[in-house]
N, C-alpha and C. Protein backbone atom coordinates (compact mmCIF):
# COMPACT_ATOMS: atom_id res chain seq x y z
N MET A 1 -10.19 48.64 -12.47
CA MET A 1 -9.33 48.24 -11.37
C MET A 1 -9.95 47.05 -10.62
N ARG A 2 -11.26 47.13 -10.37
CA ARG A 2 -11.96 46.07 -9.65
C ARG A 2 -11.94 44.76 -10.46
N PHE A 3 -12.12 44.86 -11.78
CA PHE A 3 -12.12 43.70 -12.66
C PHE A 3 -10.77 43.00 -12.64
N SER A 4 -9.67 43.75 -12.62
CA SER A 4 -8.34 43.14 -12.62
C SER A 4 -8.07 42.42 -11.31
N ARG A 5 -8.60 42.92 -10.20
CA ARG A 5 -8.44 42.23 -8.92
C ARG A 5 -9.17 40.89 -8.93
N LEU A 6 -10.39 40.89 -9.48
CA LEU A 6 -11.15 39.65 -9.54
C LEU A 6 -10.46 38.63 -10.46
N ARG A 7 -9.93 39.14 -11.57
CA ARG A 7 -9.22 38.26 -12.48
C ARG A 7 -7.96 37.71 -11.80
N LEU A 8 -7.27 38.54 -11.05
CA LEU A 8 -6.08 38.11 -10.32
C LEU A 8 -6.43 37.05 -9.28
N LEU A 9 -7.52 37.26 -8.56
CA LEU A 9 -7.95 36.28 -7.56
C LEU A 9 -8.37 34.97 -8.21
N ALA A 10 -9.04 35.07 -9.36
CA ALA A 10 -9.44 33.86 -10.07
C ALA A 10 -8.22 33.08 -10.54
N CYS A 11 -7.23 33.78 -11.06
CA CYS A 11 -5.99 33.12 -11.50
C CYS A 11 -5.28 32.47 -10.32
N ALA A 12 -5.26 33.18 -9.19
CA ALA A 12 -4.62 32.63 -7.99
C ALA A 12 -5.34 31.37 -7.54
N ALA A 13 -6.67 31.37 -7.61
CA ALA A 13 -7.45 30.20 -7.21
C ALA A 13 -7.14 29.01 -8.11
N VAL A 14 -7.06 29.23 -9.40
CA VAL A 14 -6.75 28.15 -10.34
C VAL A 14 -5.35 27.60 -10.07
N LEU A 15 -4.40 28.48 -9.90
CA LEU A 15 -3.03 28.03 -9.65
C LEU A 15 -2.91 27.27 -8.34
N LEU A 16 -3.61 27.75 -7.32
CA LEU A 16 -3.57 27.05 -6.04
C LEU A 16 -4.24 25.69 -6.13
N GLY A 17 -5.29 25.59 -6.91
CA GLY A 17 -5.94 24.30 -7.11
C GLY A 17 -5.03 23.29 -7.79
N LEU A 18 -4.27 23.76 -8.77
CA LEU A 18 -3.35 22.87 -9.47
C LEU A 18 -2.15 22.51 -8.61
N ALA A 19 -1.76 23.40 -7.73
CA ALA A 19 -0.57 23.18 -6.90
C ALA A 19 -0.91 22.62 -5.53
N GLY A 20 -2.12 22.13 -5.35
CA GLY A 20 -2.57 21.64 -4.05
C GLY A 20 -1.66 20.63 -3.40
N PRO A 21 -1.32 19.54 -4.09
CA PRO A 21 -0.45 18.55 -3.46
C PRO A 21 0.91 19.10 -3.07
N ALA A 22 1.45 19.98 -3.88
CA ALA A 22 2.75 20.57 -3.53
C ALA A 22 2.61 21.45 -2.30
N LEU A 23 1.51 22.18 -2.22
CA LEU A 23 1.31 23.03 -1.05
C LEU A 23 1.10 22.21 0.21
N ALA A 24 0.50 21.04 0.06
CA ALA A 24 0.26 20.20 1.22
C ALA A 24 1.56 19.74 1.84
N GLN A 25 2.61 19.61 1.05
CA GLN A 25 3.88 19.17 1.56
C GLN A 25 4.69 20.32 2.15
N ARG A 26 4.29 21.52 1.87
CA ARG A 26 5.03 22.68 2.35
C ARG A 26 4.22 23.35 3.46
N VAL A 27 4.83 23.63 4.56
CA VAL A 27 4.14 24.29 5.65
C VAL A 27 4.02 25.77 5.31
N VAL A 28 2.80 26.24 5.28
CA VAL A 28 2.57 27.65 4.99
C VAL A 28 2.19 28.31 6.30
N GLY A 29 3.07 29.16 6.78
CA GLY A 29 2.79 29.88 8.01
C GLY A 29 2.70 31.36 7.73
N GLY A 30 1.85 32.04 8.45
CA GLY A 30 1.72 33.48 8.25
C GLY A 30 0.93 33.80 7.00
N ASP A 31 1.03 35.04 6.57
CA ASP A 31 0.26 35.46 5.41
C ASP A 31 1.15 35.57 4.19
N LEU A 32 0.54 35.98 3.08
CA LEU A 32 1.27 36.05 1.82
C LEU A 32 2.45 37.03 1.87
N GLN A 33 2.29 38.11 2.61
CA GLN A 33 3.38 39.08 2.70
C GLN A 33 4.62 38.48 3.36
N GLN A 34 4.41 37.53 4.27
CA GLN A 34 5.54 36.88 4.93
C GLN A 34 6.13 35.77 4.05
N GLN A 35 5.31 35.16 3.21
CA GLN A 35 5.75 34.06 2.36
C GLN A 35 6.47 34.53 1.11
N MET A 36 6.13 35.73 0.65
CA MET A 36 6.68 36.24 -0.61
C MET A 36 7.64 37.39 -0.34
N SER A 37 8.57 37.55 -1.23
CA SER A 37 9.44 38.72 -1.14
C SER A 37 8.62 39.94 -1.56
N PRO A 38 9.04 41.14 -1.15
CA PRO A 38 8.29 42.33 -1.57
C PRO A 38 8.16 42.43 -3.09
N ALA A 39 9.19 42.02 -3.83
CA ALA A 39 9.12 42.08 -5.29
C ALA A 39 8.09 41.09 -5.83
N GLU A 40 8.05 39.87 -5.27
CA GLU A 40 7.07 38.88 -5.70
C GLU A 40 5.65 39.33 -5.36
N PHE A 41 5.50 39.90 -4.18
CA PHE A 41 4.19 40.39 -3.74
C PHE A 41 3.67 41.46 -4.68
N LYS A 42 4.55 42.38 -5.05
CA LYS A 42 4.17 43.47 -5.95
C LYS A 42 3.94 42.93 -7.36
N ALA A 43 4.80 42.00 -7.83
CA ALA A 43 4.66 41.45 -9.18
C ALA A 43 3.35 40.69 -9.33
N ALA A 44 2.86 40.10 -8.26
CA ALA A 44 1.60 39.38 -8.31
C ALA A 44 0.40 40.33 -8.22
N GLY A 45 0.66 41.58 -7.98
CA GLY A 45 -0.43 42.57 -7.90
C GLY A 45 -1.14 42.56 -6.58
N LEU A 46 -0.58 41.89 -5.60
CA LEU A 46 -1.25 41.79 -4.31
C LEU A 46 -1.15 43.08 -3.50
N ASP A 47 -0.22 43.94 -3.88
CA ASP A 47 -0.10 45.21 -3.17
C ASP A 47 -1.29 46.12 -3.45
N LYS A 48 -2.09 45.79 -4.44
CA LYS A 48 -3.26 46.60 -4.80
C LYS A 48 -4.49 46.23 -3.97
N LEU A 49 -4.40 45.14 -3.23
CA LEU A 49 -5.54 44.72 -2.42
C LEU A 49 -5.64 45.55 -1.15
N SER A 50 -6.86 45.76 -0.72
CA SER A 50 -7.07 46.45 0.56
C SER A 50 -6.69 45.48 1.67
N PRO A 51 -6.45 45.99 2.88
CA PRO A 51 -6.12 45.09 3.99
C PRO A 51 -7.20 44.02 4.21
N ALA A 52 -8.48 44.38 4.05
CA ALA A 52 -9.56 43.41 4.24
C ALA A 52 -9.51 42.34 3.14
N GLU A 53 -9.26 42.75 1.89
CA GLU A 53 -9.17 41.80 0.80
C GLU A 53 -7.96 40.87 0.97
N LEU A 54 -6.85 41.43 1.41
CA LEU A 54 -5.65 40.62 1.64
C LEU A 54 -5.88 39.62 2.77
N ALA A 55 -6.56 40.06 3.82
CA ALA A 55 -6.87 39.17 4.94
C ALA A 55 -7.79 38.03 4.49
N ALA A 56 -8.78 38.36 3.63
CA ALA A 56 -9.69 37.34 3.12
C ALA A 56 -8.92 36.33 2.25
N LEU A 57 -8.03 36.81 1.40
CA LEU A 57 -7.23 35.92 0.55
C LEU A 57 -6.33 35.03 1.40
N ASN A 58 -5.69 35.61 2.42
CA ASN A 58 -4.85 34.82 3.32
C ASN A 58 -5.66 33.74 4.03
N GLY A 59 -6.84 34.09 4.50
CA GLY A 59 -7.70 33.12 5.17
C GLY A 59 -8.11 31.98 4.24
N TRP A 60 -8.47 32.36 3.02
CA TRP A 60 -8.86 31.35 2.03
C TRP A 60 -7.69 30.41 1.71
N LEU A 61 -6.51 30.99 1.54
CA LEU A 61 -5.32 30.21 1.24
C LEU A 61 -5.00 29.23 2.36
N GLN A 62 -5.06 29.72 3.60
CA GLN A 62 -4.78 28.85 4.75
C GLN A 62 -5.79 27.70 4.82
N GLY A 63 -7.06 27.99 4.51
CA GLY A 63 -8.08 26.95 4.51
C GLY A 63 -7.83 25.91 3.44
N LYS A 64 -7.42 26.36 2.25
CA LYS A 64 -7.11 25.42 1.16
C LYS A 64 -5.93 24.54 1.52
N VAL A 65 -4.89 25.14 2.07
CA VAL A 65 -3.70 24.38 2.44
C VAL A 65 -4.06 23.35 3.52
N ALA A 66 -4.85 23.75 4.50
CA ALA A 66 -5.24 22.83 5.56
C ALA A 66 -6.07 21.67 5.00
N ALA A 67 -6.97 21.96 4.06
CA ALA A 67 -7.81 20.92 3.47
C ALA A 67 -6.98 19.94 2.65
N VAL A 68 -6.08 20.46 1.84
CA VAL A 68 -5.24 19.59 1.00
C VAL A 68 -4.31 18.76 1.88
N THR A 69 -3.77 19.36 2.92
CA THR A 69 -2.89 18.63 3.84
C THR A 69 -3.66 17.50 4.51
N ALA A 70 -4.89 17.78 4.94
CA ALA A 70 -5.70 16.74 5.57
C ALA A 70 -6.00 15.61 4.58
N ASP A 71 -6.28 15.96 3.33
CA ASP A 71 -6.54 14.94 2.31
C ASP A 71 -5.31 14.07 2.07
N VAL A 72 -4.15 14.69 1.98
CA VAL A 72 -2.91 13.95 1.75
C VAL A 72 -2.61 13.04 2.94
N ARG A 73 -2.83 13.53 4.15
CA ARG A 73 -2.59 12.69 5.34
C ARG A 73 -3.54 11.50 5.37
N GLU A 74 -4.81 11.74 5.05
CA GLU A 74 -5.79 10.65 5.04
C GLU A 74 -5.43 9.61 3.97
N GLN A 75 -5.01 10.07 2.81
CA GLN A 75 -4.60 9.15 1.75
C GLN A 75 -3.39 8.33 2.20
N ALA A 76 -2.44 8.96 2.87
CA ALA A 76 -1.26 8.24 3.37
C ALA A 76 -1.67 7.20 4.42
N ARG A 77 -2.62 7.57 5.29
CA ARG A 77 -3.12 6.62 6.29
C ARG A 77 -3.78 5.41 5.62
N GLU A 78 -4.60 5.67 4.61
CA GLU A 78 -5.28 4.59 3.90
C GLU A 78 -4.28 3.67 3.22
N GLU A 79 -3.25 4.25 2.60
CA GLU A 79 -2.22 3.43 1.95
C GLU A 79 -1.48 2.59 2.97
N ALA A 80 -1.18 3.17 4.13
CA ALA A 80 -0.49 2.42 5.19
C ALA A 80 -1.37 1.29 5.72
N ARG A 81 -2.67 1.57 5.89
CA ARG A 81 -3.60 0.52 6.34
C ARG A 81 -3.64 -0.63 5.34
N GLU A 82 -3.71 -0.30 4.05
CA GLU A 82 -3.79 -1.34 3.03
C GLU A 82 -2.49 -2.14 2.98
N GLU A 83 -1.33 -1.48 3.12
CA GLU A 83 -0.06 -2.20 3.15
C GLU A 83 -0.01 -3.14 4.35
N GLY A 84 -0.49 -2.67 5.50
CA GLY A 84 -0.53 -3.50 6.69
C GLY A 84 -1.47 -4.69 6.53
N ARG A 85 -2.62 -4.44 5.90
CA ARG A 85 -3.58 -5.51 5.66
C ARG A 85 -2.99 -6.57 4.74
N GLN A 86 -2.31 -6.14 3.67
CA GLN A 86 -1.70 -7.09 2.75
C GLN A 86 -0.59 -7.89 3.43
N GLU A 87 0.15 -7.25 4.33
CA GLU A 87 1.21 -7.94 5.07
C GLU A 87 0.61 -9.01 5.98
N VAL A 88 -0.49 -8.68 6.65
CA VAL A 88 -1.16 -9.67 7.52
C VAL A 88 -1.67 -10.84 6.70
N ILE A 89 -2.25 -10.55 5.54
CA ILE A 89 -2.77 -11.61 4.67
C ILE A 89 -1.62 -12.52 4.24
N LYS A 90 -0.53 -11.92 3.79
CA LYS A 90 0.60 -12.71 3.31
C LYS A 90 1.21 -13.56 4.43
N LYS A 91 1.35 -12.94 5.61
CA LYS A 91 1.98 -13.63 6.73
C LYS A 91 1.11 -14.78 7.26
N ASN A 92 -0.20 -14.61 7.24
CA ASN A 92 -1.10 -15.59 7.84
C ASN A 92 -1.82 -16.48 6.84
N ARG A 93 -1.45 -16.40 5.60
CA ARG A 93 -2.09 -17.20 4.57
C ARG A 93 -1.86 -18.67 4.87
N GLY A 94 -2.90 -19.44 4.83
CA GLY A 94 -2.82 -20.86 5.17
C GLY A 94 -3.41 -21.13 6.54
N PHE A 95 -3.32 -20.16 7.44
CA PHE A 95 -3.98 -20.28 8.75
C PHE A 95 -5.44 -19.85 8.64
N PHE A 96 -5.68 -18.80 7.87
CA PHE A 96 -7.01 -18.23 7.72
C PHE A 96 -7.34 -18.12 6.24
N ASP A 97 -8.64 -18.15 5.94
CA ASP A 97 -9.09 -17.99 4.56
C ASP A 97 -9.35 -16.52 4.31
N PHE A 98 -8.58 -15.93 3.41
CA PHE A 98 -8.75 -14.53 3.06
C PHE A 98 -9.47 -14.37 1.73
N GLY A 99 -10.04 -15.47 1.22
CA GLY A 99 -10.79 -15.40 -0.01
C GLY A 99 -9.96 -15.47 -1.28
N SER A 100 -8.66 -15.61 -1.16
CA SER A 100 -7.80 -15.66 -2.33
C SER A 100 -7.63 -17.11 -2.77
N LYS A 101 -7.74 -17.33 -4.04
CA LYS A 101 -7.52 -18.67 -4.61
C LYS A 101 -6.14 -18.78 -5.25
N GLU A 102 -5.31 -17.77 -5.06
CA GLU A 102 -3.95 -17.79 -5.61
C GLU A 102 -3.12 -18.81 -4.86
N PRO A 103 -2.35 -19.62 -5.57
CA PRO A 103 -1.50 -20.60 -4.89
C PRO A 103 -0.29 -19.92 -4.23
N ILE A 104 0.29 -20.63 -3.29
CA ILE A 104 1.54 -20.20 -2.67
C ILE A 104 2.66 -20.95 -3.40
N VAL A 105 3.58 -20.22 -3.98
CA VAL A 105 4.67 -20.85 -4.72
C VAL A 105 5.97 -20.51 -3.99
N SER A 106 6.74 -21.55 -3.67
CA SER A 106 8.00 -21.35 -2.96
C SER A 106 8.88 -22.57 -3.26
N THR A 107 9.92 -22.74 -2.47
CA THR A 107 10.75 -23.94 -2.57
C THR A 107 10.83 -24.57 -1.19
N LEU A 108 10.98 -25.89 -1.17
CA LEU A 108 11.19 -26.60 0.09
C LEU A 108 12.64 -26.39 0.50
N GLN A 109 12.84 -26.18 1.78
CA GLN A 109 14.22 -26.06 2.26
C GLN A 109 14.79 -27.45 2.47
N GLY A 110 15.94 -27.65 1.92
CA GLY A 110 16.62 -28.93 2.12
C GLY A 110 16.17 -30.00 1.15
N GLU A 111 16.17 -31.22 1.66
CA GLU A 111 15.93 -32.38 0.81
C GLU A 111 14.49 -32.86 0.90
N PHE A 112 13.88 -33.13 -0.25
CA PHE A 112 12.54 -33.71 -0.32
C PHE A 112 12.70 -35.21 -0.50
N ARG A 113 12.08 -35.99 0.39
CA ARG A 113 12.21 -37.45 0.35
C ARG A 113 10.88 -38.16 0.10
N GLY A 114 9.90 -37.42 -0.40
CA GLY A 114 8.61 -38.04 -0.70
C GLY A 114 7.54 -37.62 0.30
N PHE A 115 6.36 -38.19 0.10
CA PHE A 115 5.21 -37.88 0.95
C PHE A 115 5.02 -38.97 1.99
N GLY A 116 4.48 -38.58 3.12
CA GLY A 116 4.12 -39.51 4.19
C GLY A 116 3.34 -38.74 5.25
N LYS A 117 2.29 -39.37 5.77
CA LYS A 117 1.44 -38.71 6.75
C LYS A 117 2.28 -38.22 7.93
N GLY A 118 2.06 -36.97 8.33
CA GLY A 118 2.76 -36.38 9.47
C GLY A 118 4.07 -35.69 9.11
N ARG A 119 4.53 -35.84 7.89
CA ARG A 119 5.78 -35.17 7.49
C ARG A 119 5.58 -33.66 7.48
N ARG A 120 6.66 -32.98 7.81
CA ARG A 120 6.63 -31.51 7.81
C ARG A 120 7.47 -31.00 6.65
N TYR A 121 6.96 -29.96 6.03
CA TYR A 121 7.62 -29.34 4.88
C TYR A 121 7.85 -27.87 5.20
N VAL A 122 9.11 -27.47 5.27
CA VAL A 122 9.47 -26.08 5.57
C VAL A 122 9.81 -25.40 4.25
N LEU A 123 9.12 -24.29 4.00
CA LEU A 123 9.33 -23.55 2.76
C LEU A 123 10.39 -22.47 2.94
N ALA A 124 10.90 -21.98 1.82
CA ALA A 124 11.90 -20.91 1.85
C ALA A 124 11.32 -19.62 2.44
N ASN A 125 10.00 -19.45 2.38
CA ASN A 125 9.37 -18.25 2.94
C ASN A 125 9.09 -18.41 4.44
N GLN A 126 9.64 -19.44 5.06
CA GLN A 126 9.56 -19.75 6.49
C GLN A 126 8.22 -20.34 6.92
N GLN A 127 7.32 -20.60 6.01
CA GLN A 127 6.08 -21.29 6.36
C GLN A 127 6.39 -22.77 6.57
N GLU A 128 5.66 -23.38 7.52
CA GLU A 128 5.84 -24.80 7.78
C GLU A 128 4.48 -25.48 7.63
N TRP A 129 4.44 -26.54 6.85
CA TRP A 129 3.22 -27.26 6.54
C TRP A 129 3.39 -28.73 6.94
N GLU A 130 2.29 -29.34 7.39
CA GLU A 130 2.32 -30.75 7.79
C GLU A 130 1.34 -31.53 6.92
N GLN A 131 1.76 -32.70 6.46
CA GLN A 131 0.89 -33.54 5.65
C GLN A 131 -0.17 -34.17 6.53
N THR A 132 -1.43 -34.10 6.09
CA THR A 132 -2.54 -34.62 6.90
C THR A 132 -3.21 -35.83 6.29
N ASP A 133 -2.96 -36.15 5.04
CA ASP A 133 -3.61 -37.33 4.44
C ASP A 133 -2.61 -38.49 4.37
N ASP A 134 -3.09 -39.63 3.88
CA ASP A 134 -2.28 -40.85 3.85
C ASP A 134 -1.49 -41.03 2.56
N ALA A 135 -1.45 -40.03 1.70
CA ALA A 135 -0.74 -40.17 0.43
C ALA A 135 0.73 -40.48 0.69
N THR A 136 1.25 -41.41 -0.08
CA THR A 136 2.67 -41.74 0.05
C THR A 136 3.33 -41.62 -1.32
N LEU A 137 4.57 -41.29 -1.27
CA LEU A 137 5.35 -41.17 -2.49
C LEU A 137 6.81 -41.33 -2.08
N SER A 138 7.47 -42.26 -2.71
CA SER A 138 8.89 -42.44 -2.40
C SER A 138 9.71 -42.15 -3.64
N ALA A 139 9.46 -40.98 -4.19
CA ALA A 139 10.22 -40.55 -5.37
C ALA A 139 11.66 -40.29 -4.95
N GLY A 140 12.52 -40.25 -5.91
CA GLY A 140 13.91 -39.98 -5.61
C GLY A 140 14.07 -38.69 -4.82
N ARG A 141 15.19 -38.54 -4.21
CA ARG A 141 15.44 -37.34 -3.40
C ARG A 141 15.69 -36.14 -4.29
N ARG A 142 15.19 -35.02 -3.84
CA ARG A 142 15.39 -33.75 -4.55
C ARG A 142 15.79 -32.70 -3.53
N THR A 143 16.69 -31.83 -3.94
CA THR A 143 17.14 -30.77 -3.05
C THR A 143 16.49 -29.45 -3.46
N ASP A 144 15.90 -28.78 -2.50
CA ASP A 144 15.25 -27.48 -2.67
C ASP A 144 14.31 -27.44 -3.89
N PRO A 145 13.38 -28.39 -3.98
CA PRO A 145 12.48 -28.37 -5.14
C PRO A 145 11.42 -27.26 -5.01
N GLU A 146 10.95 -26.81 -6.16
CA GLU A 146 9.87 -25.81 -6.17
C GLU A 146 8.56 -26.51 -5.84
N VAL A 147 7.75 -25.88 -5.02
CA VAL A 147 6.45 -26.44 -4.65
C VAL A 147 5.36 -25.39 -4.85
N THR A 148 4.16 -25.91 -5.04
CA THR A 148 2.97 -25.07 -5.13
C THR A 148 1.97 -25.60 -4.12
N ILE A 149 1.47 -24.71 -3.28
CA ILE A 149 0.43 -25.08 -2.32
C ILE A 149 -0.83 -24.35 -2.74
N THR A 150 -1.84 -25.14 -3.09
CA THR A 150 -3.06 -24.60 -3.67
C THR A 150 -4.22 -24.73 -2.69
N PRO A 151 -5.02 -23.67 -2.51
CA PRO A 151 -6.18 -23.79 -1.63
C PRO A 151 -7.26 -24.66 -2.27
N GLY A 152 -7.93 -25.43 -1.43
CA GLY A 152 -9.04 -26.27 -1.88
C GLY A 152 -10.33 -25.81 -1.22
N LEU A 153 -11.27 -26.72 -1.10
CA LEU A 153 -12.56 -26.39 -0.50
C LEU A 153 -12.49 -26.44 1.03
N MET A 154 -13.25 -25.61 1.65
CA MET A 154 -13.44 -25.60 3.11
C MET A 154 -12.11 -25.52 3.88
N GLY A 155 -11.23 -24.68 3.42
CA GLY A 155 -9.99 -24.43 4.14
C GLY A 155 -8.90 -25.46 3.94
N SER A 156 -9.07 -26.37 3.00
CA SER A 156 -8.03 -27.37 2.76
C SER A 156 -6.97 -26.81 1.81
N TRP A 157 -5.77 -27.37 1.91
CA TRP A 157 -4.63 -26.96 1.08
C TRP A 157 -3.94 -28.21 0.55
N TYR A 158 -3.40 -28.08 -0.67
CA TYR A 158 -2.75 -29.22 -1.32
C TYR A 158 -1.36 -28.81 -1.80
N LEU A 159 -0.37 -29.64 -1.44
CA LEU A 159 1.02 -29.38 -1.81
C LEU A 159 1.38 -30.27 -2.99
N GLN A 160 2.03 -29.65 -3.98
CA GLN A 160 2.53 -30.40 -5.12
C GLN A 160 3.96 -29.97 -5.39
N VAL A 161 4.82 -30.95 -5.60
CA VAL A 161 6.22 -30.70 -5.90
C VAL A 161 6.35 -30.65 -7.42
N LYS A 162 7.07 -29.66 -7.90
CA LYS A 162 7.25 -29.51 -9.35
C LYS A 162 7.91 -30.77 -9.93
N GLY A 163 7.30 -31.24 -11.01
CA GLY A 163 7.84 -32.43 -11.68
C GLY A 163 7.25 -33.73 -11.17
N ILE A 164 6.39 -33.67 -10.14
CA ILE A 164 5.74 -34.87 -9.61
C ILE A 164 4.23 -34.67 -9.77
N ASN A 165 3.55 -35.64 -10.35
CA ASN A 165 2.13 -35.49 -10.67
C ASN A 165 1.20 -35.70 -9.49
N THR A 166 1.72 -36.13 -8.36
CA THR A 166 0.90 -36.37 -7.17
C THR A 166 0.91 -35.15 -6.26
N HIS A 167 -0.22 -34.92 -5.59
CA HIS A 167 -0.25 -33.87 -4.57
C HIS A 167 -0.78 -34.47 -3.28
N THR A 168 -0.56 -33.77 -2.18
CA THR A 168 -0.99 -34.26 -0.88
C THR A 168 -1.66 -33.14 -0.10
N LYS A 169 -2.56 -33.52 0.78
CA LYS A 169 -3.27 -32.54 1.61
C LYS A 169 -2.38 -32.16 2.79
N VAL A 170 -2.28 -30.82 3.02
CA VAL A 170 -1.43 -30.32 4.09
C VAL A 170 -2.19 -29.26 4.89
N ARG A 171 -1.65 -28.96 6.06
CA ARG A 171 -2.16 -27.84 6.86
C ARG A 171 -0.99 -27.06 7.38
N ARG A 172 -1.18 -25.76 7.49
CA ARG A 172 -0.07 -24.91 7.95
C ARG A 172 0.04 -25.02 9.47
N VAL A 173 1.26 -25.22 9.94
CA VAL A 173 1.50 -25.35 11.38
C VAL A 173 2.38 -24.22 11.92
N LYS A 174 3.06 -23.52 11.05
CA LYS A 174 3.91 -22.41 11.50
C LYS A 174 4.04 -21.39 10.40
């Protein structure tokens, strides 16, 4: 009789370990007798436990559920922090160096009329860049051309319009 109780408790422990994430999403209140129907309670063999053994099992179960719930909450917090961090990086890219060498690829809004110092270029992603070098280009007009803005050394950025071999130094202003 004692051996079957230990085997039952061991099986319950294994099942609870496998079902941890599901239990974390479900609020477990009260003890097993309140959570299970009398038929389920009896079918699981829990009616054979003494009141002290049942209380110990209930305490252990509540502790496991609380631990798994805390782990799931912490994981959700970490994921939310990382999503927020990535959003800040994306929104502020060009103002600050986040260590990424990935270019910004977008399209210019409206008509591109060439390069000239002080010109402003508004991208489809709402970023606004201003040309800071003296490069000039009076290429034909293009509407909504694709552009690539590539990071350079020491916080510099270079804008290149697709299909044009020249690039110009820019800085983000908005």
